[in-house]
């Protein structure tokens, strides 16, 4: 959906920006999140 929204060329609602930001964070940092989750469970 982010690719579709990028073609709008308009200001996106706050809820949409939060979802896109959280999704981008998970995509970029998923290895660190996975290691952190495993470490948390083991600890």
ModelCIF file with pLDDT and N, C-alpha, C, O atoms, coordinates in Angstrom:
data_MODEL
#
_entry.id   MODEL 
#
_entity.id                         1 
_entity.type                       polymer 
_entity.pdbx_number_of_molecules   1 
#
_entity_poly.entity_id                      1 
_entity_poly.type                           'polypeptide(L)' 
_entity_poly.nstd_linkage                   no 
_entity_poly.nstd_monomer                   no 
_entity_poly.pdbx_seq_one_letter_code       
;(UNK)(UNK)(UNK)(UNK)(UNK)(UNK)(UNK)(UNK)(UNK)(UNK)(UNK)(UNK)(UNK)(UNK)(UNK)(UNK)
(UNK)(UNK)(UNK)(UNK)(UNK)(UNK)(UNK)(UNK)(UNK)(UNK)(UNK)(UNK)(UNK)(UNK)(UNK)(UNK)
(UNK)(UNK)(UNK)(UNK)(UNK)(UNK)(UNK)(UNK)(UNK)(UNK)(UNK)
;
_entity_poly.pdbx_seq_one_letter_code_can   XXXXXXXXXXXXXXXXXXXXXXXXXXXXXXXXXXXXXXXXXXX 
_entity_poly.pdbx_strand_id                 A 
#
loop_
_entity_poly_seq.entity_id 
_entity_poly_seq.num 
_entity_poly_seq.mon_id 
_entity_poly_seq.hetero 
1 1  UNK n 
1 2  UNK n 
1 3  UNK n 
1 4  UNK n 
1 5  UNK n 
1 6  UNK n 
1 7  UNK n 
1 8  UNK n 
1 9  UNK n 
1 10 UNK n 
1 11 UNK n 
1 12 UNK n 
1 13 UNK n 
1 14 UNK n 
1 15 UNK n 
1 16 UNK n 
1 17 UNK n 
1 18 UNK n 
1 19 UNK n 
1 20 UNK n 
1 21 UNK n 
1 22 UNK n 
1 23 UNK n 
1 24 UNK n 
1 25 UNK n 
1 26 UNK n 
1 27 UNK n 
1 28 UNK n 
1 29 UNK n 
1 30 UNK n 
1 31 UNK n 
1 32 UNK n 
1 33 UNK n 
1 34 UNK n 
1 35 UNK n 
1 36 UNK n 
1 37 UNK n 
1 38 UNK n 
1 39 UNK n 
1 40 UNK n 
1 41 UNK n 
1 42 UNK n 
1 43 UNK n 
#
_struct_asym.id          A 
_struct_asym.entity_id   1 
#
loop_
_ma_qa_metric.id 
_ma_qa_metric.mode 
_ma_qa_metric.name 
_ma_qa_metric.software_group_id 
_ma_qa_metric.type 
1 global pLDDT . pLDDT 
2 local  pLDDT . pLDDT 
#
_ma_qa_metric_global.metric_id      1 
_ma_qa_metric_global.metric_value   81.72 
_ma_qa_metric_global.model_id       1 
_ma_qa_metric_global.ordinal_id     1 
#
loop_
_ma_qa_metric_local.label_asym_id 
_ma_qa_metric_local.label_comp_id 
_ma_qa_metric_local.label_seq_id 
_ma_qa_metric_local.metric_id 
_ma_qa_metric_local.metric_value 
_ma_qa_metric_local.model_id 
_ma_qa_metric_local.ordinal_id 
A UNK 1  2 76.00 1 1  
A UNK 2  2 76.00 1 2  
A UNK 3  2 75.00 1 3  
A UNK 4  2 72.00 1 4  
A UNK 5  2 72.00 1 5  
A UNK 6  2 70.00 1 6  
A UNK 7  2 69.00 1 7  
A UNK 8  2 64.00 1 8  
A UNK 9  2 63.00 1 9  
A UNK 10 2 63.00 1 10 
A UNK 11 2 69.00 1 11 
A UNK 12 2 73.00 1 12 
A UNK 13 2 75.00 1 13 
A UNK 14 2 79.00 1 14 
A UNK 15 2 78.00 1 15 
A UNK 16 2 80.00 1 16 
A UNK 17 2 81.00 1 17 
A UNK 18 2 83.00 1 18 
A UNK 19 2 82.00 1 19 
A UNK 20 2 83.00 1 20 
A UNK 21 2 85.00 1 21 
A UNK 22 2 84.00 1 22 
A UNK 23 2 84.00 1 23 
A UNK 24 2 85.00 1 24 
A UNK 25 2 86.00 1 25 
A UNK 26 2 84.00 1 26 
A UNK 27 2 85.00 1 27 
A UNK 28 2 86.00 1 28 
A UNK 29 2 87.00 1 29 
A UNK 30 2 83.00 1 30 
A UNK 31 2 87.00 1 31 
A UNK 32 2 90.00 1 32 
A UNK 33 2 85.00 1 33 
A UNK 34 2 88.00 1 34 
A UNK 35 2 93.00 1 35 
A UNK 36 2 92.00 1 36 
A UNK 37 2 89.00 1 37 
A UNK 38 2 93.00 1 38 
A UNK 39 2 95.00 1 39 
A UNK 40 2 93.00 1 40 
A UNK 41 2 91.00 1 41 
A UNK 42 2 93.00 1 42 
A UNK 43 2 93.00 1 43 
#
loop_
_atom_site.group_PDB 
_atom_site.id 
_atom_site.type_symbol 
_atom_site.label_atom_id 
_atom_site.label_alt_id 
_atom_site.label_comp_id 
_atom_site.label_asym_id 
_atom_site.label_entity_id 
_atom_site.label_seq_id 
_atom_site.pdbx_PDB_ins_code 
_atom_site.Cartn_x 
_atom_site.Cartn_y 
_atom_site.Cartn_z 
_atom_site.occupancy 
_atom_site.B_iso_or_equiv 
_atom_site.pdbx_formal_charge 
_atom_site.auth_seq_id 
_atom_site.auth_comp_id 
_atom_site.auth_asym_id 
_atom_site.auth_atom_id 
_atom_site.pdbx_PDB_model_num 
ATOM 1   N N  . UNK A 1 1  ? 0.815  -1.204  0.000  1.00 76.00 ? 1  UNK A N  1 
ATOM 2   C CA . UNK A 1 1  ? 0.000  0.000   0.000  1.00 76.00 ? 1  UNK A CA 1 
ATOM 3   C C  . UNK A 1 1  ? 0.857  1.265   0.000  1.00 76.00 ? 1  UNK A C  1 
ATOM 4   O O  . UNK A 1 1  ? 0.442  2.304   -0.515 1.00 76.00 ? 1  UNK A O  1 
ATOM 5   N N  . UNK A 1 2  ? 2.060  1.171   0.583  1.00 76.00 ? 2  UNK A N  1 
ATOM 6   C CA . UNK A 1 2  ? 2.933  2.354   0.623  1.00 76.00 ? 2  UNK A CA 1 
ATOM 7   C C  . UNK A 1 2  ? 3.274  2.828   -0.785 1.00 76.00 ? 2  UNK A C  1 
ATOM 8   O O  . UNK A 1 2  ? 3.361  4.032   -1.026 1.00 76.00 ? 2  UNK A O  1 
ATOM 9   N N  . UNK A 1 3  ? 3.471  1.888   -1.726 1.00 75.00 ? 3  UNK A N  1 
ATOM 10  C CA . UNK A 1 3  ? 3.763  2.279   -3.104 1.00 75.00 ? 3  UNK A CA 1 
ATOM 11  C C  . UNK A 1 3  ? 2.579  3.009   -3.733 1.00 75.00 ? 3  UNK A C  1 
ATOM 12  O O  . UNK A 1 3  ? 2.753  3.948   -4.510 1.00 75.00 ? 3  UNK A O  1 
ATOM 13  N N  . UNK A 1 4  ? 1.371  2.560   -3.384 1.00 72.00 ? 4  UNK A N  1 
ATOM 14  C CA . UNK A 1 4  ? 0.178  3.227   -3.913 1.00 72.00 ? 4  UNK A CA 1 
ATOM 15  C C  . UNK A 1 4  ? 0.035  4.620   -3.324 1.00 72.00 ? 4  UNK A C  1 
ATOM 16  O O  . UNK A 1 4  ? -0.268 5.574   -4.039 1.00 72.00 ? 4  UNK A O  1 
ATOM 17  N N  . UNK A 1 5  ? 0.257  4.739   -1.995 1.00 72.00 ? 5  UNK A N  1 
ATOM 18  C CA . UNK A 1 5  ? 0.112  6.032   -1.337 1.00 72.00 ? 5  UNK A CA 1 
ATOM 19  C C  . UNK A 1 5  ? 1.162  7.033   -1.833 1.00 72.00 ? 5  UNK A C  1 
ATOM 20  O O  . UNK A 1 5  ? 0.911  8.238   -1.861 1.00 72.00 ? 5  UNK A O  1 
ATOM 21  N N  . UNK A 1 6  ? 2.346  6.524   -2.227 1.00 70.00 ? 6  UNK A N  1 
ATOM 22  C CA . UNK A 1 6  ? 3.405  7.423   -2.691 1.00 70.00 ? 6  UNK A CA 1 
ATOM 23  C C  . UNK A 1 6  ? 2.995  8.161   -3.948 1.00 70.00 ? 6  UNK A C  1 
ATOM 24  O O  . UNK A 1 6  ? 3.481  9.264   -4.200 1.00 70.00 ? 6  UNK A O  1 
ATOM 25  N N  . UNK A 1 7  ? 2.096  7.569   -4.757 1.00 69.00 ? 7  UNK A N  1 
ATOM 26  C CA . UNK A 1 7  ? 1.652  8.219   -5.996 1.00 69.00 ? 7  UNK A CA 1 
ATOM 27  C C  . UNK A 1 7  ? 0.568  9.240   -5.793 1.00 69.00 ? 7  UNK A C  1 
ATOM 28  O O  . UNK A 1 7  ? 0.187  9.928   -6.740 1.00 69.00 ? 7  UNK A O  1 
ATOM 29  N N  . UNK A 1 8  ? 0.050  9.363   -4.564 1.00 64.00 ? 8  UNK A N  1 
ATOM 30  C CA . UNK A 1 8  ? -1.012 10.334  -4.314 1.00 64.00 ? 8  UNK A CA 1 
ATOM 31  C C  . UNK A 1 8  ? -0.482 11.767  -4.378 1.00 64.00 ? 8  UNK A C  1 
ATOM 32  O O  . UNK A 1 8  ? -1.162 12.686  -4.833 1.00 64.00 ? 8  UNK A O  1 
ATOM 33  N N  . UNK A 1 9  ? 0.762  11.923  -3.905 1.00 63.00 ? 9  UNK A N  1 
ATOM 34  C CA . UNK A 1 9  ? 1.341  13.265  -3.875 1.00 63.00 ? 9  UNK A CA 1 
ATOM 35  C C  . UNK A 1 9  ? 0.623  14.198  -2.938 1.00 63.00 ? 9  UNK A C  1 
ATOM 36  O O  . UNK A 1 9  ? 0.608  15.408  -3.165 1.00 63.00 ? 9  UNK A O  1 
ATOM 37  N N  . UNK A 1 10 ? 0.018  13.663  -1.873 1.00 63.00 ? 10 UNK A N  1 
ATOM 38  C CA . UNK A 1 10 ? -0.733 14.485  -0.915 1.00 63.00 ? 10 UNK A CA 1 
ATOM 39  C C  . UNK A 1 10 ? -0.314 14.130  0.498  1.00 63.00 ? 10 UNK A C  1 
ATOM 40  O O  . UNK A 1 10 ? 0.332  13.110  0.738  1.00 63.00 ? 10 UNK A O  1 
ATOM 41  N N  . UNK A 1 11 ? -0.701 15.005  1.444  1.00 69.00 ? 11 UNK A N  1 
ATOM 42  C CA . UNK A 1 11 ? -0.415 14.772  2.860  1.00 69.00 ? 11 UNK A CA 1 
ATOM 43  C C  . UNK A 1 11 ? -1.259 13.604  3.356  1.00 69.00 ? 11 UNK A C  1 
ATOM 44  O O  . UNK A 1 11 ? -2.485 13.630  3.249  1.00 69.00 ? 11 UNK A O  1 
ATOM 45  N N  . UNK A 1 12 ? -0.604 12.583  3.897  1.00 73.00 ? 12 UNK A N  1 
ATOM 46  C CA . UNK A 1 12 ? -1.314 11.402  4.391  1.00 73.00 ? 12 UNK A CA 1 
ATOM 47  C C  . UNK A 1 12 ? -1.811 11.640  5.809  1.00 73.00 ? 12 UNK A C  1 
ATOM 48  O O  . UNK A 1 12 ? -1.209 12.421  6.546  1.00 73.00 ? 12 UNK A O  1 
ATOM 49  N N  . UNK A 1 13 ? -2.901 10.980  6.209  1.00 75.00 ? 13 UNK A N  1 
ATOM 50  C CA . UNK A 1 13 ? -3.401 11.112  7.586  1.00 75.00 ? 13 UNK A CA 1 
ATOM 51  C C  . UNK A 1 13 ? -2.375 10.603  8.598  1.00 75.00 ? 13 UNK A C  1 
ATOM 52  O O  . UNK A 1 13 ? -1.482 9.824   8.265  1.00 75.00 ? 13 UNK A O  1 
ATOM 53  N N  . UNK A 1 14 ? -2.527 11.064  9.848  1.00 79.00 ? 14 UNK A N  1 
ATOM 54  C CA . UNK A 1 14 ? -1.583 10.699  10.908 1.00 79.00 ? 14 UNK A CA 1 
ATOM 55  C C  . UNK A 1 14 ? -1.535 9.192   11.123 1.00 79.00 ? 14 UNK A C  1 
ATOM 56  O O  . UNK A 1 14 ? -0.453 8.625   11.274 1.00 79.00 ? 14 UNK A O  1 
ATOM 57  N N  . UNK A 1 15 ? -2.701 8.531   11.140 1.00 78.00 ? 15 UNK A N  1 
ATOM 58  C CA . UNK A 1 15 ? -2.726 7.083   11.371 1.00 78.00 ? 15 UNK A CA 1 
ATOM 59  C C  . UNK A 1 15 ? -1.973 6.341   10.275 1.00 78.00 ? 15 UNK A C  1 
ATOM 60  O O  . UNK A 1 15 ? -1.273 5.366   10.549 1.00 78.00 ? 15 UNK A O  1 
ATOM 61  N N  . UNK A 1 16 ? -2.116 6.800   9.034  1.00 80.00 ? 16 UNK A N  1 
ATOM 62  C CA . UNK A 1 16 ? -1.409 6.157   7.924  1.00 80.00 ? 16 UNK A CA 1 
ATOM 63  C C  . UNK A 1 16 ? 0.090  6.353   8.053  1.00 80.00 ? 16 UNK A C  1 
ATOM 64  O O  . UNK A 1 16 ? 0.864  5.424   7.823  1.00 80.00 ? 16 UNK A O  1 
ATOM 65  N N  . UNK A 1 17 ? 0.507  7.576   8.425  1.00 81.00 ? 17 UNK A N  1 
ATOM 66  C CA . UNK A 1 17 ? 1.941  7.837   8.581  1.00 81.00 ? 17 UNK A CA 1 
ATOM 67  C C  . UNK A 1 17 ? 2.539  6.976   9.699  1.00 81.00 ? 17 UNK A C  1 
ATOM 68  O O  . UNK A 1 17 ? 3.670  6.503   9.590  1.00 81.00 ? 17 UNK A O  1 
ATOM 69  N N  . UNK A 1 18 ? 1.769  6.778   10.771 1.00 83.00 ? 18 UNK A N  1 
ATOM 70  C CA . UNK A 1 18 ? 2.257  5.928   11.857 1.00 83.00 ? 18 UNK A CA 1 
ATOM 71  C C  . UNK A 1 18 ? 2.410  4.477   11.400 1.00 83.00 ? 18 UNK A C  1 
ATOM 72  O O  . UNK A 1 18 ? 3.407  3.827   11.717 1.00 83.00 ? 18 UNK A O  1 
ATOM 73  N N  . UNK A 1 19 ? 1.424  3.969   10.653 1.00 82.00 ? 19 UNK A N  1 
ATOM 74  C CA . UNK A 1 19 ? 1.516  2.599   10.147 1.00 82.00 ? 19 UNK A CA 1 
ATOM 75  C C  . UNK A 1 19 ? 2.702  2.433   9.203  1.00 82.00 ? 19 UNK A C  1 
ATOM 76  O O  . UNK A 1 19 ? 3.447  1.458   9.303  1.00 82.00 ? 19 UNK A O  1 
ATOM 77  N N  . UNK A 1 20 ? 2.878  3.386   8.286  1.00 83.00 ? 20 UNK A N  1 
ATOM 78  C CA . UNK A 1 20 ? 3.994  3.299   7.344  1.00 83.00 ? 20 UNK A CA 1 
ATOM 79  C C  . UNK A 1 20 ? 5.335  3.384   8.070  1.00 83.00 ? 20 UNK A C  1 
ATOM 80  O O  . UNK A 1 20 ? 6.280  2.677   7.721  1.00 83.00 ? 20 UNK A O  1 
ATOM 81  N N  . UNK A 1 21 ? 5.414  4.254   9.082  1.00 85.00 ? 21 UNK A N  1 
ATOM 82  C CA . UNK A 1 21 ? 6.660  4.371   9.837  1.00 85.00 ? 21 UNK A CA 1 
ATOM 83  C C  . UNK A 1 21 ? 6.990  3.114   10.607 1.00 85.00 ? 21 UNK A C  1 
ATOM 84  O O  . UNK A 1 21 ? 8.140  2.676   10.644 1.00 85.00 ? 21 UNK A O  1 
ATOM 85  N N  . UNK A 1 22 ? 5.962  2.530   11.229 1.00 84.00 ? 22 UNK A N  1 
ATOM 86  C CA . UNK A 1 22 ? 6.194  1.289   11.987 1.00 84.00 ? 22 UNK A CA 1 
ATOM 87  C C  . UNK A 1 22 ? 6.577  0.148   11.055 1.00 84.00 ? 22 UNK A C  1 
ATOM 88  O O  . UNK A 1 22 ? 7.445  -0.660  11.384 1.00 84.00 ? 22 UNK A O  1 
ATOM 89  N N  . UNK A 1 23 ? 5.925  0.079   9.877  1.00 84.00 ? 23 UNK A N  1 
ATOM 90  C CA . UNK A 1 23 ? 6.259  -0.963  8.902  1.00 84.00 ? 23 UNK A CA 1 
ATOM 91  C C  . UNK A 1 23 ? 7.685  -0.799  8.392  1.00 84.00 ? 23 UNK A C  1 
ATOM 92  O O  . UNK A 1 23 ? 8.415  -1.781  8.257  1.00 84.00 ? 23 UNK A O  1 
ATOM 93  N N  . UNK A 1 24 ? 8.084  0.433   8.108  1.00 85.00 ? 24 UNK A N  1 
ATOM 94  C CA . UNK A 1 24 ? 9.448  0.685   7.634  1.00 85.00 ? 24 UNK A CA 1 
ATOM 95  C C  . UNK A 1 24 ? 10.472 0.325   8.705  1.00 85.00 ? 24 UNK A C  1 
ATOM 96  O O  . UNK A 1 24 ? 11.537 -0.214  8.404  1.00 85.00 ? 24 UNK A O  1 
ATOM 97  N N  . UNK A 1 25 ? 10.139 0.629   9.956  1.00 86.00 ? 25 UNK A N  1 
ATOM 98  C CA . UNK A 1 25 ? 11.044 0.282   11.062 1.00 86.00 ? 25 UNK A CA 1 
ATOM 99  C C  . UNK A 1 25 ? 11.228 -1.230  11.148 1.00 86.00 ? 25 UNK A C  1 
ATOM 100 O O  . UNK A 1 25 ? 12.353 -1.699  11.323 1.00 86.00 ? 25 UNK A O  1 
ATOM 101 N N  . UNK A 1 26 ? 10.135 -2.012  11.027 1.00 84.00 ? 26 UNK A N  1 
ATOM 102 C CA . UNK A 1 26 ? 10.234 -3.469  11.114 1.00 84.00 ? 26 UNK A CA 1 
ATOM 103 C C  . UNK A 1 26 ? 11.021 -4.046  9.945  1.00 84.00 ? 26 UNK A C  1 
ATOM 104 O O  . UNK A 1 26 ? 11.791 -4.992  10.116 1.00 84.00 ? 26 UNK A O  1 
ATOM 105 N N  . UNK A 1 27 ? 10.827 -3.472  8.746  1.00 85.00 ? 27 UNK A N  1 
ATOM 106 C CA . UNK A 1 27 ? 11.548 -3.979  7.572  1.00 85.00 ? 27 UNK A CA 1 
ATOM 107 C C  . UNK A 1 27 ? 13.045 -3.719  7.702  1.00 85.00 ? 27 UNK A C  1 
ATOM 108 O O  . UNK A 1 27 ? 13.853 -4.587  7.374  1.00 85.00 ? 27 UNK A O  1 
ATOM 109 N N  . UNK A 1 28 ? 13.421 -2.533  8.178  1.00 86.00 ? 28 UNK A N  1 
ATOM 110 C CA . UNK A 1 28 ? 14.840 -2.163  8.262  1.00 86.00 ? 28 UNK A CA 1 
ATOM 111 C C  . UNK A 1 28 ? 15.547 -2.801  9.453  1.00 86.00 ? 28 UNK A C  1 
ATOM 112 O O  . UNK A 1 28 ? 16.749 -3.061  9.402  1.00 86.00 ? 28 UNK A O  1 
ATOM 113 N N  . UNK A 1 29 ? 14.798 -3.050  10.521 1.00 87.00 ? 29 UNK A N  1 
ATOM 114 C CA . UNK A 1 29 ? 15.437 -3.506  11.753 1.00 87.00 ? 29 UNK A CA 1 
ATOM 115 C C  . UNK A 1 29 ? 14.978 -4.894  12.192 1.00 87.00 ? 29 UNK A C  1 
ATOM 116 O O  . UNK A 1 29 ? 15.157 -5.256  13.355 1.00 87.00 ? 29 UNK A O  1 
ATOM 117 N N  . UNK A 1 30 ? 14.389 -5.681  11.285 1.00 83.00 ? 30 UNK A N  1 
ATOM 118 C CA . UNK A 1 30 ? 13.877 -6.979  11.715 1.00 83.00 ? 30 UNK A CA 1 
ATOM 119 C C  . UNK A 1 30 ? 14.974 -7.919  12.243 1.00 83.00 ? 30 UNK A C  1 
ATOM 120 O O  . UNK A 1 30 ? 14.695 -8.685  13.165 1.00 83.00 ? 30 UNK A O  1 
ATOM 121 N N  . UNK A 1 31 ? 16.209 -7.901  11.709 1.00 87.00 ? 31 UNK A N  1 
ATOM 122 C CA . UNK A 1 31 ? 17.225 -8.781  12.330 1.00 87.00 ? 31 UNK A CA 1 
ATOM 123 C C  . UNK A 1 31 ? 17.494 -8.424  13.787 1.00 87.00 ? 31 UNK A C  1 
ATOM 124 O O  . UNK A 1 31 ? 17.622 -9.296  14.646 1.00 87.00 ? 31 UNK A O  1 
ATOM 125 N N  . UNK A 1 32 ? 17.578 -7.098  14.049 1.00 90.00 ? 32 UNK A N  1 
ATOM 126 C CA . UNK A 1 32 ? 17.816 -6.677  15.433 1.00 90.00 ? 32 UNK A CA 1 
ATOM 127 C C  . UNK A 1 32 ? 16.626 -7.028  16.324 1.00 90.00 ? 32 UNK A C  1 
ATOM 128 O O  . UNK A 1 32 ? 16.803 -7.431  17.473 1.00 90.00 ? 32 UNK A O  1 
ATOM 129 N N  . UNK A 1 33 ? 15.402 -6.872  15.786 1.00 85.00 ? 33 UNK A N  1 
ATOM 130 C CA . UNK A 1 33 ? 14.204 -7.229  16.559 1.00 85.00 ? 33 UNK A CA 1 
ATOM 131 C C  . UNK A 1 33 ? 14.176 -8.724  16.850 1.00 85.00 ? 33 UNK A C  1 
ATOM 132 O O  . UNK A 1 33 ? 13.807 -9.132  17.952 1.00 85.00 ? 33 UNK A O  1 
ATOM 133 N N  . UNK A 1 34 ? 14.565 -9.550  15.868 1.00 88.00 ? 34 UNK A N  1 
ATOM 134 C CA . UNK A 1 34 ? 14.576 -10.997 16.066 1.00 88.00 ? 34 UNK A CA 1 
ATOM 135 C C  . UNK A 1 34 ? 15.596 -11.401 17.122 1.00 88.00 ? 34 UNK A C  1 
ATOM 136 O O  . UNK A 1 34 ? 15.301 -12.197 18.014 1.00 88.00 ? 34 UNK A O  1 
ATOM 137 N N  . UNK A 1 35 ? 16.811 -10.838 17.010 1.00 93.00 ? 35 UNK A N  1 
ATOM 138 C CA . UNK A 1 35 ? 17.855 -11.143 17.996 1.00 93.00 ? 35 UNK A CA 1 
ATOM 139 C C  . UNK A 1 35 ? 17.435 -10.665 19.376 1.00 93.00 ? 35 UNK A C  1 
ATOM 140 O O  . UNK A 1 35 ? 17.645 -11.362 20.369 1.00 93.00 ? 35 UNK A O  1 
ATOM 141 N N  . UNK A 1 36 ? 16.840 -9.471  19.441 1.00 92.00 ? 36 UNK A N  1 
ATOM 142 C CA . UNK A 1 36 ? 16.397 -8.944  20.729 1.00 92.00 ? 36 UNK A CA 1 
ATOM 143 C C  . UNK A 1 36 ? 15.307 -9.794  21.362 1.00 92.00 ? 36 UNK A C  1 
ATOM 144 O O  . UNK A 1 36 ? 15.307 -10.007 22.574 1.00 92.00 ? 36 UNK A O  1 
ATOM 145 N N  . UNK A 1 37 ? 14.363 -10.288 20.532 1.00 89.00 ? 37 UNK A N  1 
ATOM 146 C CA . UNK A 1 37 ? 13.286 -11.133 21.058 1.00 89.00 ? 37 UNK A CA 1 
ATOM 147 C C  . UNK A 1 37 ? 13.833 -12.449 21.589 1.00 89.00 ? 37 UNK A C  1 
ATOM 148 O O  . UNK A 1 37 ? 13.457 -12.892 22.674 1.00 89.00 ? 37 UNK A O  1 
ATOM 149 N N  . UNK A 1 38 ? 14.734 -13.083 20.812 1.00 93.00 ? 38 UNK A N  1 
ATOM 150 C CA . UNK A 1 38 ? 15.335 -14.347 21.258 1.00 93.00 ? 38 UNK A CA 1 
ATOM 151 C C  . UNK A 1 38 ? 16.138 -14.138 22.536 1.00 93.00 ? 38 UNK A C  1 
ATOM 152 O O  . UNK A 1 38 ? 16.063 -14.942 23.465 1.00 93.00 ? 38 UNK A O  1 
ATOM 153 N N  . UNK A 1 39 ? 16.911 -13.045 22.577 1.00 95.00 ? 39 UNK A N  1 
ATOM 154 C CA . UNK A 1 39 ? 17.709 -12.759 23.778 1.00 95.00 ? 39 UNK A CA 1 
ATOM 155 C C  . UNK A 1 39 ? 16.816 -12.519 24.984 1.00 95.00 ? 39 UNK A C  1 
ATOM 156 O O  . UNK A 1 39 ? 17.131 -12.936 26.099 1.00 95.00 ? 39 UNK A O  1 
ATOM 157 N N  . UNK A 1 40 ? 15.692 -11.838 24.749 1.00 93.00 ? 40 UNK A N  1 
ATOM 158 C CA . UNK A 1 40 ? 14.763 -11.567 25.838 1.00 93.00 ? 40 UNK A CA 1 
ATOM 159 C C  . UNK A 1 40 ? 14.165 -12.857 26.380 1.00 93.00 ? 40 UNK A C  1 
ATOM 160 O O  . UNK A 1 40 ? 14.039 -13.023 27.593 1.00 93.00 ? 40 UNK A O  1 
ATOM 161 N N  . UNK A 1 41 ? 13.791 -13.780 25.480 1.00 91.00 ? 41 UNK A N  1 
ATOM 162 C CA . UNK A 1 41 ? 13.210 -15.056 25.908 1.00 91.00 ? 41 UNK A CA 1 
ATOM 163 C C  . UNK A 1 41 ? 14.232 -15.888 26.666 1.00 91.00 ? 41 UNK A C  1 
ATOM 164 O O  . UNK A 1 41 ? 13.930 -16.450 27.718 1.00 91.00 ? 41 UNK A O  1 
ATOM 165 N N  . UNK A 1 42 ? 15.465 -15.965 26.117 1.00 93.00 ? 42 UNK A N  1 
ATOM 166 C CA . UNK A 1 42 ? 16.515 -16.750 26.775 1.00 93.00 ? 42 UNK A CA 1 
ATOM 167 C C  . UNK A 1 42 ? 16.864 -16.142 28.133 1.00 93.00 ? 42 UNK A C  1 
ATOM 168 O O  . UNK A 1 42 ? 17.023 -16.861 29.119 1.00 93.00 ? 42 UNK A O  1 
ATOM 169 N N  . UNK A 1 43 ? 16.983 -14.805 28.177 1.00 93.00 ? 43 UNK A N  1 
ATOM 170 C CA . UNK A 1 43 ? 17.292 -14.141 29.435 1.00 93.00 ? 43 UNK A CA 1 
ATOM 171 C C  . UNK A 1 43 ? 16.199 -14.330 30.474 1.00 93.00 ? 43 UNK A C  1 
ATOM 172 O O  . UNK A 1 43 ? 16.315 -13.827 31.591 1.00 93.00 ? 43 UNK A O  1 
#
